[in-house]
N, C-alpha and C. Protein backbone atom coordinates (compact mmCIF):
# COMPACT_ATOMS: atom_id res chain seq x y z
N MET A 1 3.44 16.99 -10.64
CA MET A 1 4.82 16.78 -11.23
C MET A 1 5.47 15.19 -10.35
N LYS A 2 5.84 14.46 -11.54
CA LYS A 2 6.35 13.21 -11.30
C LYS A 2 7.71 13.25 -10.77
N ARG A 3 8.11 12.18 -9.94
CA ARG A 3 9.58 12.02 -9.77
C ARG A 3 9.88 10.56 -9.37
N PRO A 4 11.02 10.15 -9.46
CA PRO A 4 11.41 8.83 -9.23
C PRO A 4 11.12 8.27 -7.66
N TYR A 5 10.64 7.16 -7.57
CA TYR A 5 10.47 6.89 -6.29
C TYR A 5 11.28 5.36 -6.08
N ILE A 6 11.97 5.20 -5.14
CA ILE A 6 12.66 3.56 -5.01
C ILE A 6 11.65 2.97 -4.34
N CYS A 7 11.35 1.72 -4.45
CA CYS A 7 10.32 1.05 -3.79
C CYS A 7 11.07 -0.30 -3.39
N THR A 8 11.21 -0.51 -2.11
CA THR A 8 12.12 -1.54 -1.73
C THR A 8 11.27 -2.42 -0.92
N PRO A 9 11.29 -3.70 -0.86
CA PRO A 9 10.76 -4.90 0.01
C PRO A 9 11.01 -4.51 1.48
N VAL A 10 10.06 -4.84 2.39
CA VAL A 10 10.17 -4.66 3.91
C VAL A 10 10.07 -5.75 4.44
N GLY A 11 11.14 -6.35 5.36
CA GLY A 11 10.86 -7.62 6.12
C GLY A 11 11.07 -8.71 5.41
N ASP A 12 10.62 -9.93 5.70
CA ASP A 12 10.83 -11.12 5.19
C ASP A 12 9.51 -11.70 4.18
N ALA A 13 8.65 -10.84 4.08
CA ALA A 13 7.36 -11.10 3.27
C ALA A 13 7.69 -11.56 2.08
N MET A 14 8.62 -10.93 1.28
CA MET A 14 8.80 -11.32 -0.11
C MET A 14 10.15 -11.31 -0.35
N PRO A 15 11.10 -12.23 0.08
CA PRO A 15 12.29 -12.40 0.27
C PRO A 15 13.10 -12.63 -0.90
N ASN A 16 12.43 -12.73 -2.26
CA ASN A 16 13.01 -12.80 -3.46
C ASN A 16 12.87 -11.26 -4.30
N ALA A 17 12.14 -10.37 -3.68
CA ALA A 17 11.58 -9.25 -4.21
C ALA A 17 12.79 -8.47 -4.34
N LYS A 18 13.06 -7.49 -5.48
CA LYS A 18 14.04 -6.56 -5.62
C LYS A 18 13.47 -5.27 -5.63
N PRO A 19 14.40 -4.22 -5.19
CA PRO A 19 13.88 -2.98 -5.48
C PRO A 19 13.36 -2.63 -6.67
N ARG A 20 12.40 -1.57 -6.66
CA ARG A 20 11.86 -1.15 -8.12
C ARG A 20 11.94 0.42 -8.20
N LEU A 21 12.33 0.99 -9.29
CA LEU A 21 12.31 2.33 -9.51
C LEU A 21 11.12 2.68 -10.24
N VAL A 22 10.12 3.53 -9.63
CA VAL A 22 8.85 4.08 -10.35
C VAL A 22 8.78 5.48 -10.41
N ASN A 23 8.49 6.01 -11.39
CA ASN A 23 8.20 7.43 -11.82
C ASN A 23 6.57 7.71 -11.24
N ALA A 24 6.59 8.40 -10.45
CA ALA A 24 5.22 8.62 -9.90
C ALA A 24 4.99 10.08 -9.31
N GLY A 25 3.83 10.42 -9.21
CA GLY A 25 3.43 11.75 -8.62
C GLY A 25 3.46 11.97 -7.10
N THR A 26 3.08 10.58 -6.50
CA THR A 26 3.46 10.68 -4.85
C THR A 26 3.98 9.29 -4.60
N PRO A 27 4.41 9.10 -3.26
CA PRO A 27 5.00 7.68 -2.82
C PRO A 27 3.82 6.67 -2.85
N ALA A 28 2.54 7.31 -2.61
CA ALA A 28 1.46 6.39 -2.32
C ALA A 28 1.03 5.75 -3.84
N ALA A 29 1.12 6.57 -5.06
CA ALA A 29 1.01 6.14 -6.40
C ALA A 29 2.18 5.30 -6.72
N ALA A 30 3.45 5.28 -6.36
CA ALA A 30 4.29 4.43 -6.61
C ALA A 30 4.37 3.07 -5.96
N ARG A 31 3.63 3.16 -4.62
CA ARG A 31 3.35 1.78 -3.88
C ARG A 31 2.08 1.26 -4.54
N LEU A 32 1.16 1.94 -4.99
CA LEU A 32 0.02 1.27 -5.57
C LEU A 32 0.58 0.52 -6.91
N HIS A 33 1.48 1.24 -7.82
CA HIS A 33 1.96 0.71 -9.09
C HIS A 33 2.63 -0.63 -8.65
N VAL A 34 3.42 -0.69 -7.64
CA VAL A 34 4.22 -2.02 -7.37
C VAL A 34 3.28 -3.02 -6.79
N THR A 35 2.43 -2.78 -5.95
CA THR A 35 1.58 -3.61 -5.16
C THR A 35 0.20 -4.22 -6.02
N LYS A 36 -0.21 -3.56 -7.05
CA LYS A 36 -1.43 -3.60 -7.70
C LYS A 36 -1.46 -5.14 -7.99
N PRO A 37 -0.45 -5.76 -8.69
CA PRO A 37 -0.44 -7.10 -9.09
C PRO A 37 -0.72 -8.15 -7.62
N LEU A 38 -0.54 -7.73 -6.55
CA LEU A 38 -0.40 -8.60 -5.35
C LEU A 38 -1.69 -8.56 -4.73
N TYR A 39 -2.46 -7.65 -4.77
CA TYR A 39 -3.89 -7.57 -4.02
C TYR A 39 -4.95 -7.21 -5.08
N GLU A 40 -6.29 -7.46 -4.66
CA GLU A 40 -7.23 -6.80 -5.45
C GLU A 40 -7.87 -6.16 -4.39
N VAL A 41 -8.54 -4.95 -4.67
CA VAL A 41 -8.82 -3.93 -3.80
C VAL A 41 -10.45 -3.68 -4.11
N LYS A 42 -11.49 -3.98 -3.53
CA LYS A 42 -12.82 -3.47 -3.86
C LYS A 42 -13.59 -3.41 -2.53
N PRO A 43 -14.70 -2.55 -2.75
CA PRO A 43 -15.38 -2.49 -1.46
C PRO A 43 -15.80 -3.74 -0.88
N ALA A 44 -15.78 -4.05 0.43
CA ALA A 44 -16.41 -5.34 0.96
C ALA A 44 -18.01 -5.12 1.10
N THR A 45 -18.53 -6.35 0.70
CA THR A 45 -20.00 -6.56 0.97
C THR A 45 -20.15 -6.97 2.55
N ALA A 46 -21.44 -7.09 2.97
CA ALA A 46 -21.71 -7.33 4.42
C ALA A 46 -21.44 -8.83 4.61
N ALA A 47 -21.57 -9.87 3.47
CA ALA A 47 -21.07 -10.86 3.52
C ALA A 47 -19.47 -11.18 3.71
N ASP A 48 -18.86 -10.28 2.94
CA ASP A 48 -17.31 -10.20 3.00
C ASP A 48 -16.83 -10.03 4.44
N VAL A 49 -17.23 -8.97 5.16
CA VAL A 49 -17.19 -8.67 6.51
C VAL A 49 -17.55 -9.75 7.49
N SER A 50 -18.74 -10.44 7.41
CA SER A 50 -19.20 -11.34 8.20
C SER A 50 -18.37 -12.46 8.25
N LYS A 51 -17.95 -13.00 6.77
CA LYS A 51 -17.07 -14.24 6.78
C LYS A 51 -15.69 -13.83 7.36
N PHE A 52 -15.02 -12.62 7.14
CA PHE A 52 -13.86 -12.23 7.63
C PHE A 52 -13.91 -12.36 8.98
N TYR A 53 -14.83 -11.75 9.71
CA TYR A 53 -15.06 -11.86 11.25
C TYR A 53 -15.23 -13.20 11.90
N GLU A 54 -15.88 -14.21 11.06
CA GLU A 54 -15.99 -15.44 11.60
C GLU A 54 -14.64 -16.11 11.74
N GLN A 55 -13.75 -15.74 10.64
CA GLN A 55 -12.45 -16.32 10.75
C GLN A 55 -11.46 -15.83 11.65
N GLY A 56 -11.94 -15.19 12.45
CA GLY A 56 -10.97 -14.19 13.37
C GLY A 56 -10.24 -13.25 12.84
N GLY A 57 -10.58 -12.80 11.96
CA GLY A 57 -10.13 -11.49 11.35
C GLY A 57 -10.59 -10.23 12.20
N LYS A 58 -9.73 -9.11 12.03
CA LYS A 58 -10.00 -7.91 12.56
C LYS A 58 -9.61 -6.83 11.56
N ILE A 59 -10.67 -5.63 11.62
CA ILE A 59 -10.51 -4.45 10.73
C ILE A 59 -9.32 -3.72 10.97
N GLU A 60 -8.54 -3.34 9.96
CA GLU A 60 -7.44 -2.47 9.98
C GLU A 60 -7.66 -1.13 9.64
N GLU A 61 -7.02 -0.03 10.39
CA GLU A 61 -7.62 1.31 9.98
C GLU A 61 -6.36 1.82 9.46
N ALA A 62 -6.74 2.18 7.98
CA ALA A 62 -5.68 3.13 7.09
C ALA A 62 -5.19 4.22 7.58
N ALA A 63 -4.11 4.60 7.56
CA ALA A 63 -3.53 6.05 7.93
C ALA A 63 -3.93 6.85 6.89
N ALA A 64 -4.17 8.12 7.23
CA ALA A 64 -4.30 9.08 6.19
C ALA A 64 -3.11 9.45 5.35
N ASP A 65 -1.89 8.77 5.53
CA ASP A 65 -0.69 9.11 4.55
C ASP A 65 -0.91 8.65 3.44
N GLY A 66 -1.69 7.55 2.94
CA GLY A 66 -1.93 7.19 1.84
C GLY A 66 -2.63 8.29 0.89
N VAL A 67 -3.43 9.00 1.61
CA VAL A 67 -4.34 9.97 0.83
C VAL A 67 -3.41 11.11 0.77
N THR A 68 -2.45 11.57 1.53
CA THR A 68 -1.74 12.88 1.26
C THR A 68 -0.44 12.36 0.51
N GLY A 69 -0.15 11.31 0.48
CA GLY A 69 1.08 10.83 -0.24
C GLY A 69 2.34 11.01 0.44
N THR A 70 2.23 11.18 1.77
CA THR A 70 3.32 11.09 2.66
C THR A 70 3.68 10.12 3.30
N LEU A 71 4.94 9.59 3.63
CA LEU A 71 5.15 8.48 4.46
C LEU A 71 5.17 8.64 5.68
N PRO A 72 4.53 7.63 6.63
CA PRO A 72 4.71 7.76 7.97
C PRO A 72 6.14 8.13 8.78
N GLY A 73 6.17 9.33 9.43
CA GLY A 73 7.35 9.50 9.89
C GLY A 73 8.28 10.61 9.23
N VAL A 74 7.71 10.77 8.12
CA VAL A 74 8.52 11.69 6.94
C VAL A 74 7.50 13.09 6.96
N GLY A 75 8.15 14.16 6.74
CA GLY A 75 7.32 15.32 6.28
C GLY A 75 7.02 15.02 4.87
N ALA A 76 6.37 16.09 4.20
CA ALA A 76 5.64 16.10 3.02
C ALA A 76 6.94 15.76 2.04
N GLN A 77 6.43 15.09 0.74
CA GLN A 77 7.50 14.84 -0.04
C GLN A 77 7.26 16.09 -1.31
N SER A 78 8.37 16.31 -1.79
CA SER A 78 8.47 17.49 -2.63
C SER A 78 9.07 16.94 -3.88
């Protein structure tokens, strides 16, 4: 079952961004809809990882919240 989610910019990363109302099944699906044009997501190759580390990057650990559709610090969405 879908419901409306309000997606609002956080912090100063996108100062001109306006809130968006998205009809989606989960908060994660709404977030994906809004951010999809900003990032391309694909599996990293060994060369990608090596280059990333050479440039001083570090791997980030994704929270399970994206899988369950719940927001950090908030109970399950209904």
